[in-house]
Amino acid sequence: MKKIFYIVLFLLNLGVSAQNTAIFERANKFYNEGKYADAIAQYQAILATKNHSAELYFNLANAYYKLNRIAPSIYFYEKALQLSSNDTDITNNLTMARNMTIDAIDVVPEGGFTKLINNAANTLTFDGWAKLSVVLVFCFVTLFLIYYFAYETLKKRLAFISSLTALFFMGLSLLFAFHKYNLDKNDQPAIVFSKESKVKSEPNFRSNESFILHEGTKVQILDTVNNWKKIKLQDGKTGWISSEDIKAL
């Protein structure tokens, strides 16, 4: 019975994949004909089937950009960049879309040591650091056994030093793994979708207005209280914005 279920599921997936391919080609045809709204509808139909790809997000962003819909274009360029971080076309188009936003926000640079640690942690994923730690544990155990059973003084000394080195780097990789986990956990970007949104000092409409944001601005979500999100800008400013005004990436 299980085999029949998996066969049916496989055939259904093949059917959905073939259908999405046809829809994607039709959407591209609409785009090339300048029918951007029709193209968007077709791309969104693919997204509704839980099918995601950098190319799909990129084309969808391009269609929104052609219609001067800044917020959704930036949003989907960002989504595409999450799946293909080294794609220069996505990066260039995202830069052009950002140039159309109203808010000019200065980026506060990270401190030298903090930037160094963060860059080092971002060289691998959390899983990558965890796997590296396991490999280094294996190296440590192997080298320690060589040290324990070796008879020659030179071999024992080299094995002992090497095992300590492996142990040190294992501890270092664990620290980077946990740091990478915290970086990913705290990284909650969102895009402002409202044409103009008033950011408050507290999570209610009665509080003072801290500043105003416009569509397309990228923010970081820090906290959630009822229908409010606490956000942080790249220049360090914080405030509370209505959840309806932003869309998390």
Protein backbone atom coordinates (compact mmCIF):
# COMPACT_ATOMS: atom_id res chain seq x y z
CA MET A 1 0.00 0.00 0.00
CA LYS A 2 2.85 2.39 0.84
CA LYS A 3 4.48 1.74 -2.55
CA ILE A 4 1.24 2.63 -4.34
CA PHE A 5 0.99 5.84 -2.31
CA TYR A 6 4.56 6.88 -3.19
CA ILE A 7 4.00 6.08 -6.88
CA VAL A 8 0.82 8.19 -6.94
CA LEU A 9 2.63 11.02 -5.11
CA PHE A 10 5.53 10.85 -7.57
CA LEU A 11 3.16 10.98 -10.56
CA LEU A 12 1.30 13.94 -9.03
CA ASN A 13 4.58 15.80 -8.53
CA LEU A 14 5.55 15.11 -12.13
CA GLY A 15 2.17 16.47 -13.25
CA VAL A 16 2.54 19.63 -11.15
CA SER A 17 6.10 20.14 -12.39
CA ALA A 18 5.05 19.82 -16.04
CA GLN A 19 2.12 22.19 -15.45
CA ASN A 20 4.38 24.74 -13.75
CA THR A 21 6.82 24.59 -16.65
CA ALA A 22 4.01 25.40 -19.07
CA ILE A 23 2.77 28.24 -16.83
CA PHE A 24 6.32 29.62 -16.51
CA GLU A 25 6.76 29.67 -20.28
CA ARG A 26 3.38 31.37 -20.69
CA ALA A 27 4.34 33.96 -18.05
CA ASN A 28 7.61 34.68 -19.84
CA LYS A 29 5.68 35.13 -23.09
CA PHE A 30 3.39 37.67 -21.41
CA TYR A 31 6.45 39.46 -19.99
CA ASN A 32 8.15 39.68 -23.40
CA GLU A 33 4.92 41.08 -24.86
CA GLY A 34 4.84 43.79 -22.18
CA LYS A 35 1.81 42.28 -20.43
CA TYR A 36 3.42 42.51 -17.01
CA ALA A 37 0.26 42.17 -14.91
CA ASP A 38 -0.65 38.96 -16.75
CA ALA A 39 2.90 37.67 -16.28
CA ILE A 40 2.71 38.39 -12.53
CA ALA A 41 -0.56 36.44 -12.26
CA GLN A 42 1.07 33.42 -13.91
CA TYR A 43 4.23 33.60 -11.75
CA GLN A 44 2.07 33.88 -8.62
CA ALA A 45 0.12 30.79 -9.74
CA ILE A 46 3.40 28.84 -9.68
CA LEU A 47 4.21 30.17 -6.21
CA ALA A 48 0.78 28.97 -5.05
CA THR A 49 1.95 25.39 -5.74
CA LYS A 50 4.84 25.89 -3.27
CA ASN A 51 7.33 25.90 -6.12
CA HIS A 52 10.21 28.27 -5.45
CA SER A 53 13.33 29.15 -7.43
CA ALA A 54 15.67 32.09 -7.84
CA GLU A 55 14.68 32.39 -11.51
CA LEU A 56 10.97 32.53 -10.65
CA TYR A 57 11.49 35.21 -7.99
CA PHE A 58 13.79 37.17 -10.32
CA ASN A 59 11.29 37.21 -13.19
CA LEU A 60 8.47 38.12 -10.83
CA ALA A 61 10.53 41.00 -9.42
CA ASN A 62 11.32 42.22 -12.95
CA ALA A 63 7.62 42.27 -13.82
CA TYR A 64 6.78 44.31 -10.71
CA TYR A 65 9.68 46.65 -11.47
CA LYS A 66 8.31 47.28 -14.98
CA LEU A 67 5.02 48.35 -13.37
CA ASN A 68 6.88 50.68 -10.94
CA ARG A 69 5.74 48.52 -8.01
CA ILE A 70 8.85 49.17 -5.93
CA ALA A 71 8.05 47.27 -2.73
CA PRO A 72 7.15 43.90 -4.31
CA SER A 73 10.01 44.18 -6.81
CA ILE A 74 12.55 44.66 -4.00
CA TYR A 75 10.86 41.94 -1.96
CA PHE A 76 11.16 39.33 -4.72
CA TYR A 77 14.69 40.42 -5.71
CA GLU A 78 15.63 39.82 -2.07
CA LYS A 79 13.92 36.40 -2.18
CA ALA A 80 15.85 35.53 -5.34
CA LEU A 81 19.10 36.65 -3.72
CA GLN A 82 18.46 34.36 -0.75
CA LEU A 83 18.47 31.39 -3.14
CA SER A 84 21.29 32.62 -5.39
CA SER A 85 23.49 35.00 -3.41
CA ASN A 86 26.25 35.28 -6.05
CA ASP A 87 24.02 36.15 -9.01
CA THR A 88 25.20 39.51 -10.36
CA ASP A 89 22.02 40.11 -12.40
CA ILE A 90 19.88 39.85 -9.26
CA THR A 91 22.25 42.10 -7.32
CA ASN A 92 22.35 44.74 -10.07
CA ASN A 93 18.57 44.81 -10.52
CA LEU A 94 18.06 44.98 -6.75
CA THR A 95 20.39 47.97 -6.62
CA MET A 96 18.38 49.74 -9.34
CA ALA A 97 15.13 49.04 -7.50
CA ARG A 98 16.56 50.35 -4.23
CA ASN A 99 17.58 53.56 -6.00
CA MET A 100 13.89 54.24 -6.55
CA THR A 101 13.04 54.21 -2.83
CA ILE A 102 12.47 57.48 -0.97
CA ASP A 103 14.17 56.76 2.35
CA ALA A 104 17.90 57.48 2.44
CA ILE A 105 19.28 55.47 5.34
CA ASP A 106 22.96 55.53 6.24
CA VAL A 107 24.48 52.16 7.08
CA VAL A 108 26.27 52.04 10.42
CA PRO A 109 29.42 49.97 9.81
CA GLU A 110 30.19 47.08 12.13
CA GLY A 111 33.17 47.32 14.45
CA GLY A 112 36.42 45.80 13.22
CA PHE A 113 36.44 42.77 15.55
CA THR A 114 32.67 42.17 15.26
CA LYS A 115 32.87 42.32 11.47
CA LEU A 116 35.79 39.89 11.46
CA ILE A 117 33.95 37.37 13.63
CA ASN A 118 30.70 37.67 11.66
CA ASN A 119 32.48 37.29 8.33
CA ALA A 120 34.29 34.21 9.61
CA ALA A 121 31.04 32.68 10.92
CA ASN A 122 29.30 33.35 7.60
CA THR A 123 31.89 31.41 5.60
CA LEU A 124 29.91 28.24 6.40
CA THR A 125 26.33 27.43 7.28
CA PHE A 126 25.38 26.20 10.76
CA ASP A 127 25.27 22.64 9.40
CA GLY A 128 28.66 23.17 7.77
CA TRP A 129 30.26 24.20 11.05
CA ALA A 130 28.59 21.28 12.85
CA LYS A 131 29.90 18.78 10.27
CA LEU A 132 33.38 20.29 10.50
CA SER A 133 33.25 19.84 14.30
CA VAL A 134 32.41 16.15 13.88
CA VAL A 135 35.33 15.67 11.46
CA LEU A 136 37.70 17.39 13.88
CA VAL A 137 36.47 15.21 16.77
CA PHE A 138 37.24 12.15 14.65
CA CYS A 139 40.71 13.57 13.88
CA PHE A 140 41.33 14.25 17.57
CA VAL A 141 40.35 10.72 18.62
CA THR A 142 42.46 9.14 15.86
CA LEU A 143 45.53 11.24 16.65
CA PHE A 144 45.18 10.65 20.38
CA LEU A 145 45.04 6.88 19.81
CA ILE A 146 48.18 7.13 17.67
CA TYR A 147 49.85 9.05 20.48
CA TYR A 148 48.71 6.50 23.08
CA PHE A 149 49.93 3.41 21.20
CA ALA A 150 53.04 4.86 19.53
CA TYR A 151 56.46 3.84 20.82
CA GLU A 152 58.70 6.31 19.08
CA THR A 153 59.17 9.59 20.96
CA LEU A 154 58.98 11.77 17.83
CA LYS A 155 55.79 10.09 16.64
CA LYS A 156 54.18 10.43 20.08
CA ARG A 157 55.12 14.10 20.24
CA LEU A 158 53.78 14.88 16.77
CA ALA A 159 50.57 12.94 17.40
CA PHE A 160 50.04 14.68 20.75
CA ILE A 161 50.55 18.18 19.29
CA SER A 162 48.33 17.36 16.31
CA SER A 163 45.56 16.01 18.55
CA LEU A 164 45.61 19.17 20.67
CA THR A 165 45.48 21.26 17.48
CA ALA A 166 42.45 19.28 16.26
CA LEU A 167 40.81 19.72 19.66
CA PHE A 168 41.42 23.47 19.57
CA PHE A 169 39.93 23.88 16.09
CA MET A 170 37.02 21.63 17.06
CA GLY A 171 36.20 23.99 19.93
CA LEU A 172 36.59 26.96 17.61
CA SER A 173 34.27 25.45 15.01
CA LEU A 174 31.65 24.80 17.72
CA LEU A 175 31.84 28.44 18.78
CA PHE A 176 31.39 29.56 15.17
CA ALA A 177 28.49 27.11 14.76
CA PHE A 178 26.60 28.62 17.71
CA HIS A 179 27.47 32.16 16.60
CA LYS A 180 26.19 31.39 13.09
CA TYR A 181 23.00 29.95 14.59
CA ASN A 182 22.42 33.16 16.57
CA LEU A 183 23.15 35.32 13.51
CA ASP A 184 20.60 33.39 11.43
CA LYS A 185 18.07 33.41 14.27
CA ASN A 186 18.32 37.18 14.73
CA ASP A 187 18.29 37.90 11.00
CA GLN A 188 14.62 38.63 10.29
CA PRO A 189 14.52 41.06 7.36
CA ALA A 190 11.32 42.58 6.03
CA ILE A 191 10.28 45.05 3.35
CA VAL A 192 7.95 48.00 3.91
CA PHE A 193 4.94 47.60 1.59
CA SER A 194 2.90 50.61 2.67
CA LYS A 195 3.32 53.78 0.58
CA GLU A 196 3.94 55.67 3.82
CA SER A 197 4.10 54.19 7.29
CA LYS A 198 4.38 56.01 10.60
CA VAL A 199 6.78 54.29 12.97
CA LYS A 200 5.79 54.70 16.62
CA SER A 201 7.83 54.84 19.82
CA GLU A 202 5.58 52.18 21.41
CA PRO A 203 3.33 49.41 20.00
CA ASN A 204 0.12 51.47 19.86
CA PHE A 205 -1.37 54.27 17.76
CA ARG A 206 -1.48 56.69 20.71
CA SER A 207 2.30 56.78 21.16
CA ASN A 208 4.59 59.39 19.64
CA GLU A 209 5.70 59.17 16.04
CA SER A 210 9.41 58.34 15.83
CA PHE A 211 9.89 58.60 12.07
CA ILE A 212 8.22 57.80 8.73
CA LEU A 213 9.16 55.03 6.30
CA HIS A 214 8.14 54.55 2.69
CA GLU A 215 7.65 51.53 0.45
CA GLY A 216 10.65 49.41 -0.44
CA THR A 217 12.72 50.15 2.66
CA LYS A 218 14.36 47.11 4.20
CA VAL A 219 14.17 46.67 7.98
CA GLN A 220 15.02 44.07 10.60
CA ILE A 221 12.26 42.67 12.81
CA LEU A 222 13.32 42.58 16.47
CA ASP A 223 10.11 41.77 18.30
CA THR A 224 6.36 41.27 17.93
CA VAL A 225 3.58 42.57 20.19
CA ASN A 226 0.02 41.91 19.02
CA ASN A 227 -0.29 43.55 15.61
CA TRP A 228 2.95 45.50 15.93
CA LYS A 229 6.54 44.74 14.92
CA LYS A 230 9.56 46.30 16.52
CA ILE A 231 11.98 47.12 13.73
CA LYS A 232 15.54 48.33 13.37
CA LEU A 233 17.00 50.31 10.47
CA GLN A 234 20.52 50.03 9.10
CA ASP A 235 21.39 53.33 10.77
CA GLY A 236 20.46 51.91 14.18
CA LYS A 237 17.05 53.59 14.63
CA THR A 238 14.32 51.46 16.19
CA GLY A 239 10.57 51.79 16.47
CA TRP A 240 7.23 50.02 16.19
CA ILE A 241 5.39 49.55 12.91
CA SER A 242 2.03 47.99 12.10
CA SER A 243 2.40 44.37 10.95
CA GLU A 244 0.18 45.17 7.98
CA ASP A 245 2.72 47.68 6.64
CA ILE A 246 5.61 45.26 6.21
CA LYS A 247 6.19 41.81 4.73
CA ALA A 248 8.80 39.51 6.22
CA LEU A 249 11.26 37.83 3.89
